Amino acid sequence: MPELLDESLATLAFAGVGILLLVIGYFMVDLLTPGHLGRQVFVEHRRDAALVLSATQVSLGFIIATAFFTAEGDTWDTLLEASVFGIIGVALLGLAFWILDAVTPGSLAELVVDDSDDPAAYVAVAVQLAVGLVVAASIS
């Protein structure tokens, strides 16, 4: 029974760290885009904002899951390692969005939250997913 309790508590701790990292990723996208992201997605139904946010969350999920899966050591070491990789992932996903915004004409951040569906959002989605996969693959 103590082993089941230990494993249950570890599962809750891992899930808590994962959810916290996903929340941090949400706020990163919110900071990079104008207006309130939650309002853009859930009230104004901006498809482009939802696509970029979704791609970021899936990418972070890849990164966090890979960090959990590959980590060695006890529970606390694994949680710390996954947290560090998750924060690195958030930072790199934000940097990739910012770089894409900087090297393309106009404002990608503005396009993501405007009234029209813009093909540029699909490029941003692809970049977010690609960066997430690269970071996940680089975790050893």
N, C-alpha and C. Protein backbone atom coordinates (compact mmCIF):
# COMPACT_ATOMS: atom_id res chain seq x y z
N MET A 1 0.81 -1.21 0.00
CA MET A 1 0.00 0.00 0.00
C MET A 1 0.85 1.27 0.00
N PRO A 2 1.95 1.35 0.76
CA PRO A 2 2.77 2.56 0.73
C PRO A 2 3.31 2.86 -0.66
N GLU A 3 3.62 1.81 -1.44
CA GLU A 3 4.13 2.04 -2.79
C GLU A 3 3.06 2.69 -3.67
N LEU A 4 1.82 2.23 -3.53
CA LEU A 4 0.71 2.83 -4.29
C LEU A 4 0.52 4.28 -3.89
N LEU A 5 0.62 4.59 -2.63
CA LEU A 5 0.49 5.97 -2.16
C LEU A 5 1.62 6.83 -2.72
N ASP A 6 2.85 6.32 -2.64
CA ASP A 6 3.99 7.06 -3.19
C ASP A 6 3.82 7.33 -4.68
N GLU A 7 3.41 6.32 -5.42
CA GLU A 7 3.24 6.47 -6.87
C GLU A 7 2.08 7.42 -7.19
N SER A 8 1.03 7.36 -6.39
CA SER A 8 -0.10 8.27 -6.59
C SER A 8 0.31 9.72 -6.34
N LEU A 9 1.05 9.95 -5.27
CA LEU A 9 1.52 11.31 -4.97
C LEU A 9 2.48 11.80 -6.04
N ALA A 10 3.35 10.92 -6.53
CA ALA A 10 4.27 11.29 -7.62
C ALA A 10 3.48 11.66 -8.87
N THR A 11 2.45 10.90 -9.18
CA THR A 11 1.61 11.20 -10.34
C THR A 11 0.98 12.58 -10.20
N LEU A 12 0.46 12.88 -9.03
CA LEU A 12 -0.13 14.20 -8.80
C LEU A 12 0.92 15.31 -8.93
N ALA A 13 2.12 15.05 -8.42
CA ALA A 13 3.19 16.05 -8.52
C ALA A 13 3.57 16.28 -9.98
N PHE A 14 3.73 15.20 -10.76
CA PHE A 14 4.08 15.34 -12.17
C PHE A 14 2.97 16.07 -12.94
N ALA A 15 1.73 15.71 -12.66
CA ALA A 15 0.61 16.37 -13.34
C ALA A 15 0.58 17.86 -12.96
N GLY A 16 0.83 18.15 -11.69
CA GLY A 16 0.83 19.55 -11.25
C GLY A 16 1.91 20.37 -11.95
N VAL A 17 3.11 19.80 -12.07
CA VAL A 17 4.20 20.49 -12.77
C VAL A 17 3.83 20.68 -14.24
N GLY A 18 3.30 19.63 -14.87
CA GLY A 18 2.91 19.72 -16.27
C GLY A 18 1.86 20.78 -16.51
N ILE A 19 0.84 20.81 -15.67
CA ILE A 19 -0.23 21.80 -15.81
C ILE A 19 0.31 23.21 -15.58
N LEU A 20 1.17 23.37 -14.59
CA LEU A 20 1.77 24.68 -14.33
C LEU A 20 2.56 25.17 -15.54
N LEU A 21 3.33 24.29 -16.16
CA LEU A 21 4.10 24.67 -17.34
C LEU A 21 3.18 25.04 -18.51
N LEU A 22 2.08 24.33 -18.65
CA LEU A 22 1.11 24.68 -19.70
C LEU A 22 0.49 26.05 -19.44
N VAL A 23 0.22 26.37 -18.18
CA VAL A 23 -0.32 27.68 -17.82
C VAL A 23 0.71 28.77 -18.13
N ILE A 24 1.98 28.51 -17.82
CA ILE A 24 3.04 29.47 -18.14
C ILE A 24 3.10 29.69 -19.65
N GLY A 25 2.98 28.60 -20.42
CA GLY A 25 2.96 28.71 -21.88
C GLY A 25 1.79 29.55 -22.38
N TYR A 26 0.64 29.39 -21.76
CA TYR A 26 -0.53 30.20 -22.11
C TYR A 26 -0.22 31.69 -21.92
N PHE A 27 0.34 32.01 -20.77
CA PHE A 27 0.63 33.42 -20.49
C PHE A 27 1.72 33.98 -21.40
N MET A 28 2.65 33.11 -21.83
CA MET A 28 3.67 33.55 -22.78
C MET A 28 3.01 33.98 -24.09
N VAL A 29 2.08 33.17 -24.60
CA VAL A 29 1.38 33.53 -25.84
C VAL A 29 0.55 34.80 -25.60
N ASP A 30 -0.07 34.89 -24.44
CA ASP A 30 -0.86 36.08 -24.11
C ASP A 30 0.01 37.33 -24.13
N LEU A 31 1.23 37.24 -23.63
CA LEU A 31 2.14 38.39 -23.62
C LEU A 31 2.59 38.78 -25.03
N LEU A 32 2.71 37.81 -25.92
CA LEU A 32 3.20 38.08 -27.27
C LEU A 32 2.12 38.58 -28.23
N THR A 33 0.88 38.46 -27.83
CA THR A 33 -0.21 38.88 -28.71
C THR A 33 -0.98 40.02 -28.05
N PRO A 34 -1.49 40.95 -28.86
CA PRO A 34 -2.23 42.08 -28.28
C PRO A 34 -3.58 41.65 -27.70
N GLY A 35 -4.02 42.37 -26.73
CA GLY A 35 -5.31 42.07 -26.12
C GLY A 35 -5.20 40.90 -25.15
N HIS A 36 -6.35 40.51 -24.64
CA HIS A 36 -6.43 39.40 -23.69
C HIS A 36 -6.69 38.12 -24.47
N LEU A 37 -5.75 37.19 -24.40
CA LEU A 37 -5.82 35.97 -25.20
C LEU A 37 -7.08 35.16 -24.91
N GLY A 38 -7.41 35.02 -23.65
CA GLY A 38 -8.62 34.27 -23.30
C GLY A 38 -9.86 34.86 -23.96
N ARG A 39 -9.94 36.17 -23.96
CA ARG A 39 -11.08 36.84 -24.60
C ARG A 39 -11.04 36.61 -26.11
N GLN A 40 -9.84 36.71 -26.71
CA GLN A 40 -9.70 36.52 -28.15
C GLN A 40 -10.19 35.13 -28.57
N VAL A 41 -9.83 34.13 -27.79
CA VAL A 41 -10.14 32.75 -28.16
C VAL A 41 -11.55 32.35 -27.74
N PHE A 42 -11.92 32.59 -26.51
CA PHE A 42 -13.15 32.02 -25.96
C PHE A 42 -14.38 32.92 -26.04
N VAL A 43 -14.18 34.21 -26.26
CA VAL A 43 -15.33 35.12 -26.39
C VAL A 43 -15.48 35.59 -27.83
N GLU A 44 -14.38 36.06 -28.42
CA GLU A 44 -14.44 36.60 -29.78
C GLU A 44 -14.20 35.53 -30.85
N HIS A 45 -13.85 34.33 -30.42
CA HIS A 45 -13.69 33.17 -31.31
C HIS A 45 -12.72 33.41 -32.45
N ARG A 46 -11.56 33.97 -32.13
CA ARG A 46 -10.53 34.21 -33.13
C ARG A 46 -9.81 32.90 -33.44
N ARG A 47 -10.05 32.38 -34.65
CA ARG A 47 -9.49 31.09 -35.04
C ARG A 47 -7.96 31.12 -35.02
N ASP A 48 -7.36 32.18 -35.55
CA ASP A 48 -5.90 32.23 -35.62
C ASP A 48 -5.27 32.21 -34.23
N ALA A 49 -5.84 32.94 -33.30
CA ALA A 49 -5.33 32.95 -31.93
C ALA A 49 -5.46 31.56 -31.31
N ALA A 50 -6.58 30.91 -31.56
CA ALA A 50 -6.78 29.55 -31.03
C ALA A 50 -5.79 28.57 -31.64
N LEU A 51 -5.51 28.70 -32.92
CA LEU A 51 -4.55 27.80 -33.57
C LEU A 51 -3.14 27.96 -32.99
N VAL A 52 -2.70 29.21 -32.84
CA VAL A 52 -1.36 29.45 -32.30
C VAL A 52 -1.27 28.99 -30.85
N LEU A 53 -2.28 29.28 -30.06
CA LEU A 53 -2.28 28.84 -28.67
C LEU A 53 -2.29 27.32 -28.60
N SER A 54 -3.10 26.68 -29.43
CA SER A 54 -3.16 25.21 -29.44
C SER A 54 -1.82 24.60 -29.82
N ALA A 55 -1.18 25.14 -30.84
CA ALA A 55 0.12 24.62 -31.26
C ALA A 55 1.16 24.77 -30.15
N THR A 56 1.11 25.88 -29.45
CA THR A 56 2.04 26.09 -28.34
C THR A 56 1.79 25.07 -27.24
N GLN A 57 0.53 24.84 -26.91
CA GLN A 57 0.21 23.89 -25.84
C GLN A 57 0.60 22.46 -26.21
N VAL A 58 0.35 22.07 -27.47
CA VAL A 58 0.75 20.72 -27.92
C VAL A 58 2.27 20.59 -27.89
N SER A 59 2.96 21.62 -28.35
CA SER A 59 4.42 21.60 -28.33
C SER A 59 4.96 21.47 -26.92
N LEU A 60 4.39 22.22 -26.00
CA LEU A 60 4.82 22.10 -24.61
C LEU A 60 4.49 20.72 -24.05
N GLY A 61 3.37 20.17 -24.46
CA GLY A 61 3.04 18.81 -24.04
C GLY A 61 4.09 17.81 -24.50
N PHE A 62 4.57 17.94 -25.75
CA PHE A 62 5.66 17.08 -26.25
C PHE A 62 6.90 17.24 -25.38
N ILE A 63 7.25 18.49 -25.12
CA ILE A 63 8.47 18.78 -24.35
C ILE A 63 8.36 18.22 -22.94
N ILE A 64 7.26 18.48 -22.27
CA ILE A 64 7.07 18.04 -20.89
C ILE A 64 7.04 16.52 -20.81
N ALA A 65 6.29 15.88 -21.71
CA ALA A 65 6.20 14.42 -21.70
C ALA A 65 7.57 13.79 -21.95
N THR A 66 8.32 14.36 -22.89
CA THR A 66 9.67 13.83 -23.16
C THR A 66 10.57 14.01 -21.95
N ALA A 67 10.48 15.16 -21.31
CA ALA A 67 11.30 15.39 -20.12
C ALA A 67 10.95 14.40 -19.00
N PHE A 68 9.67 14.14 -18.81
CA PHE A 68 9.26 13.17 -17.79
C PHE A 68 9.75 11.77 -18.16
N PHE A 69 9.58 11.40 -19.41
CA PHE A 69 9.89 10.06 -19.87
C PHE A 69 11.38 9.75 -19.81
N THR A 70 12.20 10.74 -20.12
CA THR A 70 13.65 10.49 -20.22
C THR A 70 14.41 10.78 -18.93
N ALA A 71 13.77 11.42 -17.98
CA ALA A 71 14.46 11.81 -16.75
C ALA A 71 14.86 10.58 -15.94
N GLU A 72 16.00 10.68 -15.31
CA GLU A 72 16.48 9.61 -14.45
C GLU A 72 16.69 10.16 -13.05
N GLY A 73 16.56 9.32 -12.09
CA GLY A 73 16.76 9.76 -10.71
C GLY A 73 15.47 9.66 -9.94
N ASP A 74 15.48 10.23 -8.74
CA ASP A 74 14.29 10.15 -7.92
C ASP A 74 13.23 11.15 -8.39
N THR A 75 12.11 11.12 -7.77
CA THR A 75 10.96 11.94 -8.18
C THR A 75 11.30 13.42 -8.19
N TRP A 76 11.97 13.91 -7.17
CA TRP A 76 12.26 15.34 -7.08
C TRP A 76 13.24 15.79 -8.16
N ASP A 77 14.25 14.96 -8.42
CA ASP A 77 15.20 15.28 -9.50
C ASP A 77 14.48 15.32 -10.84
N THR A 78 13.60 14.35 -11.06
CA THR A 78 12.85 14.27 -12.31
C THR A 78 11.94 15.48 -12.47
N LEU A 79 11.27 15.88 -11.40
CA LEU A 79 10.40 17.06 -11.46
C LEU A 79 11.19 18.32 -11.75
N LEU A 80 12.34 18.45 -11.11
CA LEU A 80 13.18 19.62 -11.35
C LEU A 80 13.67 19.64 -12.80
N GLU A 81 14.15 18.50 -13.28
CA GLU A 81 14.64 18.42 -14.65
C GLU A 81 13.53 18.75 -15.65
N ALA A 82 12.36 18.19 -15.44
CA ALA A 82 11.24 18.45 -16.35
C ALA A 82 10.83 19.92 -16.29
N SER A 83 10.88 20.50 -15.11
CA SER A 83 10.53 21.92 -14.98
C SER A 83 11.51 22.80 -15.74
N VAL A 84 12.79 22.49 -15.63
CA VAL A 84 13.80 23.27 -16.35
C VAL A 84 13.60 23.14 -17.85
N PHE A 85 13.41 21.92 -18.34
CA PHE A 85 13.18 21.73 -19.77
C PHE A 85 11.89 22.40 -20.21
N GLY A 86 10.87 22.37 -19.38
CA GLY A 86 9.62 23.03 -19.71
C GLY A 86 9.78 24.54 -19.83
N ILE A 87 10.51 25.15 -18.91
CA ILE A 87 10.76 26.59 -18.96
C ILE A 87 11.60 26.94 -20.19
N ILE A 88 12.59 26.10 -20.49
CA ILE A 88 13.38 26.31 -21.71
C ILE A 88 12.46 26.23 -22.93
N GLY A 89 11.56 25.26 -22.93
CA GLY A 89 10.62 25.12 -24.04
C GLY A 89 9.74 26.35 -24.20
N VAL A 90 9.20 26.85 -23.10
CA VAL A 90 8.37 28.06 -23.15
C VAL A 90 9.17 29.22 -23.74
N ALA A 91 10.39 29.38 -23.26
CA ALA A 91 11.24 30.48 -23.73
C ALA A 91 11.54 30.34 -25.22
N LEU A 92 11.87 29.12 -25.67
CA LEU A 92 12.20 28.92 -27.08
C LEU A 92 10.98 29.07 -27.98
N LEU A 93 9.82 28.64 -27.52
CA LEU A 93 8.61 28.84 -28.31
C LEU A 93 8.28 30.33 -28.43
N GLY A 94 8.44 31.06 -27.34
CA GLY A 94 8.23 32.51 -27.39
C GLY A 94 9.24 33.19 -28.30
N LEU A 95 10.49 32.78 -28.21
CA LEU A 95 11.54 33.34 -29.06
C LEU A 95 11.25 33.05 -30.53
N ALA A 96 10.83 31.84 -30.84
CA ALA A 96 10.52 31.48 -32.23
C ALA A 96 9.38 32.33 -32.77
N PHE A 97 8.34 32.55 -31.97
CA PHE A 97 7.23 33.40 -32.40
C PHE A 97 7.72 34.82 -32.64
N TRP A 98 8.53 35.32 -31.72
CA TRP A 98 9.04 36.69 -31.83
C TRP A 98 9.93 36.83 -33.06
N ILE A 99 10.81 35.86 -33.32
CA ILE A 99 11.67 35.92 -34.50
C ILE A 99 10.84 35.88 -35.78
N LEU A 100 9.86 34.98 -35.84
CA LEU A 100 8.99 34.92 -37.02
C LEU A 100 8.29 36.25 -37.22
N ASP A 101 7.83 36.85 -36.15
CA ASP A 101 7.18 38.16 -36.23
C ASP A 101 8.15 39.21 -36.75
N ALA A 102 9.41 39.14 -36.30
CA ALA A 102 10.41 40.14 -36.69
C ALA A 102 10.85 40.02 -38.15
N VAL A 103 10.88 38.81 -38.69
CA VAL A 103 11.41 38.62 -40.04
C VAL A 103 10.34 38.62 -41.13
N THR A 104 9.10 38.73 -40.75
CA THR A 104 8.02 38.77 -41.74
C THR A 104 7.40 40.16 -41.79
N PRO A 105 6.84 40.52 -42.95
CA PRO A 105 6.23 41.85 -43.06
C PRO A 105 5.00 41.97 -42.16
N GLY A 106 4.77 43.16 -41.70
CA GLY A 106 3.61 43.41 -40.84
C GLY A 106 3.85 42.86 -39.44
N SER A 107 2.78 42.75 -38.71
CA SER A 107 2.85 42.25 -37.34
C SER A 107 2.11 40.93 -37.24
N LEU A 108 2.86 39.85 -37.05
CA LEU A 108 2.25 38.54 -36.88
C LEU A 108 1.34 38.53 -35.66
N ALA A 109 1.78 39.17 -34.59
CA ALA A 109 0.98 39.23 -33.37
C ALA A 109 -0.38 39.87 -33.66
N GLU A 110 -0.39 40.94 -34.44
CA GLU A 110 -1.66 41.60 -34.80
C GLU A 110 -2.51 40.70 -35.70
N LEU A 111 -1.87 40.03 -36.66
CA LEU A 111 -2.61 39.15 -37.57
C LEU A 111 -3.31 38.01 -36.83
N VAL A 112 -2.65 37.52 -35.80
CA VAL A 112 -3.19 36.39 -35.05
C VAL A 112 -4.50 36.75 -34.34
N VAL A 113 -4.67 38.01 -33.99
CA VAL A 113 -5.86 38.39 -33.23
C VAL A 113 -6.82 39.29 -34.00
N ASP A 114 -6.60 39.51 -35.29
CA ASP A 114 -7.53 40.36 -36.02
C ASP A 114 -8.78 39.58 -36.43
N ASP A 115 -9.70 40.25 -37.11
CA ASP A 115 -10.99 39.65 -37.46
C ASP A 115 -10.93 38.60 -38.55
N SER A 116 -9.91 38.65 -39.38
CA SER A 116 -9.87 37.73 -40.52
C SER A 116 -9.02 36.50 -40.20
N ASP A 117 -9.31 35.43 -40.92
CA ASP A 117 -8.45 34.26 -40.85
C ASP A 117 -7.28 34.51 -41.79
N ASP A 118 -6.08 34.40 -41.27
CA ASP A 118 -4.91 34.73 -42.06
C ASP A 118 -4.00 33.52 -42.21
N PRO A 119 -3.53 33.24 -43.44
CA PRO A 119 -2.64 32.09 -43.64
C PRO A 119 -1.35 32.18 -42.82
N ALA A 120 -0.96 33.36 -42.42
CA ALA A 120 0.25 33.52 -41.60
C ALA A 120 0.13 32.74 -40.29
N ALA A 121 -1.09 32.59 -39.79
CA ALA A 121 -1.28 31.83 -38.55
C ALA A 121 -0.83 30.39 -38.72
N TYR A 122 -1.03 29.83 -39.91
CA TYR A 122 -0.62 28.44 -40.15
C TYR A 122 0.91 28.33 -40.13
N VAL A 123 1.58 29.35 -40.59
CA VAL A 123 3.05 29.36 -40.53
C VAL A 123 3.47 29.42 -39.07
N ALA A 124 2.83 30.26 -38.29
CA ALA A 124 3.15 30.35 -36.86
C ALA A 124 2.89 29.02 -36.16
N VAL A 125 1.81 28.35 -36.53
CA VAL A 125 1.50 27.03 -35.96
C VAL A 125 2.61 26.04 -36.31
N ALA A 126 3.02 26.03 -37.57
CA ALA A 126 4.08 25.11 -38.01
C ALA A 126 5.38 25.37 -37.26
N VAL A 127 5.71 26.64 -37.08
CA VAL A 127 6.94 26.99 -36.36
C VAL A 127 6.84 26.51 -34.91
N GLN A 128 5.71 26.75 -34.25
CA GLN A 128 5.55 26.33 -32.87
C GLN A 128 5.69 24.81 -32.73
N LEU A 129 5.03 24.07 -33.63
CA LEU A 129 5.12 22.61 -33.56
C LEU A 129 6.54 22.12 -33.86
N ALA A 130 7.19 22.73 -34.84
CA ALA A 130 8.55 22.32 -35.19
C ALA A 130 9.51 22.59 -34.03
N VAL A 131 9.41 23.75 -33.43
CA VAL A 131 10.28 24.08 -32.30
C VAL A 131 10.01 23.11 -31.14
N GLY A 132 8.76 22.84 -30.87
CA GLY A 132 8.42 21.89 -29.82
C GLY A 132 9.03 20.52 -30.06
N LEU A 133 8.95 20.04 -31.30
CA LEU A 133 9.52 18.73 -31.62
C LEU A 133 11.04 18.75 -31.50
N VAL A 134 11.66 19.82 -31.96
CA VAL A 134 13.13 19.93 -31.87
C VAL A 134 13.58 19.93 -30.41
N VAL A 135 12.91 20.72 -29.59
CA VAL A 135 13.29 20.77 -28.17
C VAL A 135 13.06 19.41 -27.52
N ALA A 136 11.92 18.78 -27.81
CA ALA A 136 11.64 17.46 -27.24
C ALA A 136 12.69 16.45 -27.67
N ALA A 137 13.08 16.49 -28.94
CA ALA A 137 14.08 15.55 -29.44
C ALA A 137 15.46 15.81 -28.84
N SER A 138 15.73 17.04 -28.45
CA SER A 138 17.05 17.38 -27.92
C SER A 138 17.20 17.01 -26.45
N ILE A 139 16.11 16.64 -25.80
CA ILE A 139 16.18 16.26 -24.40
C ILE A 139 16.71 14.83 -24.32
N SER A 140 17.76 14.67 -23.55
CA SER A 140 18.32 13.31 -23.45
C SER A 140 18.47 12.89 -22.01
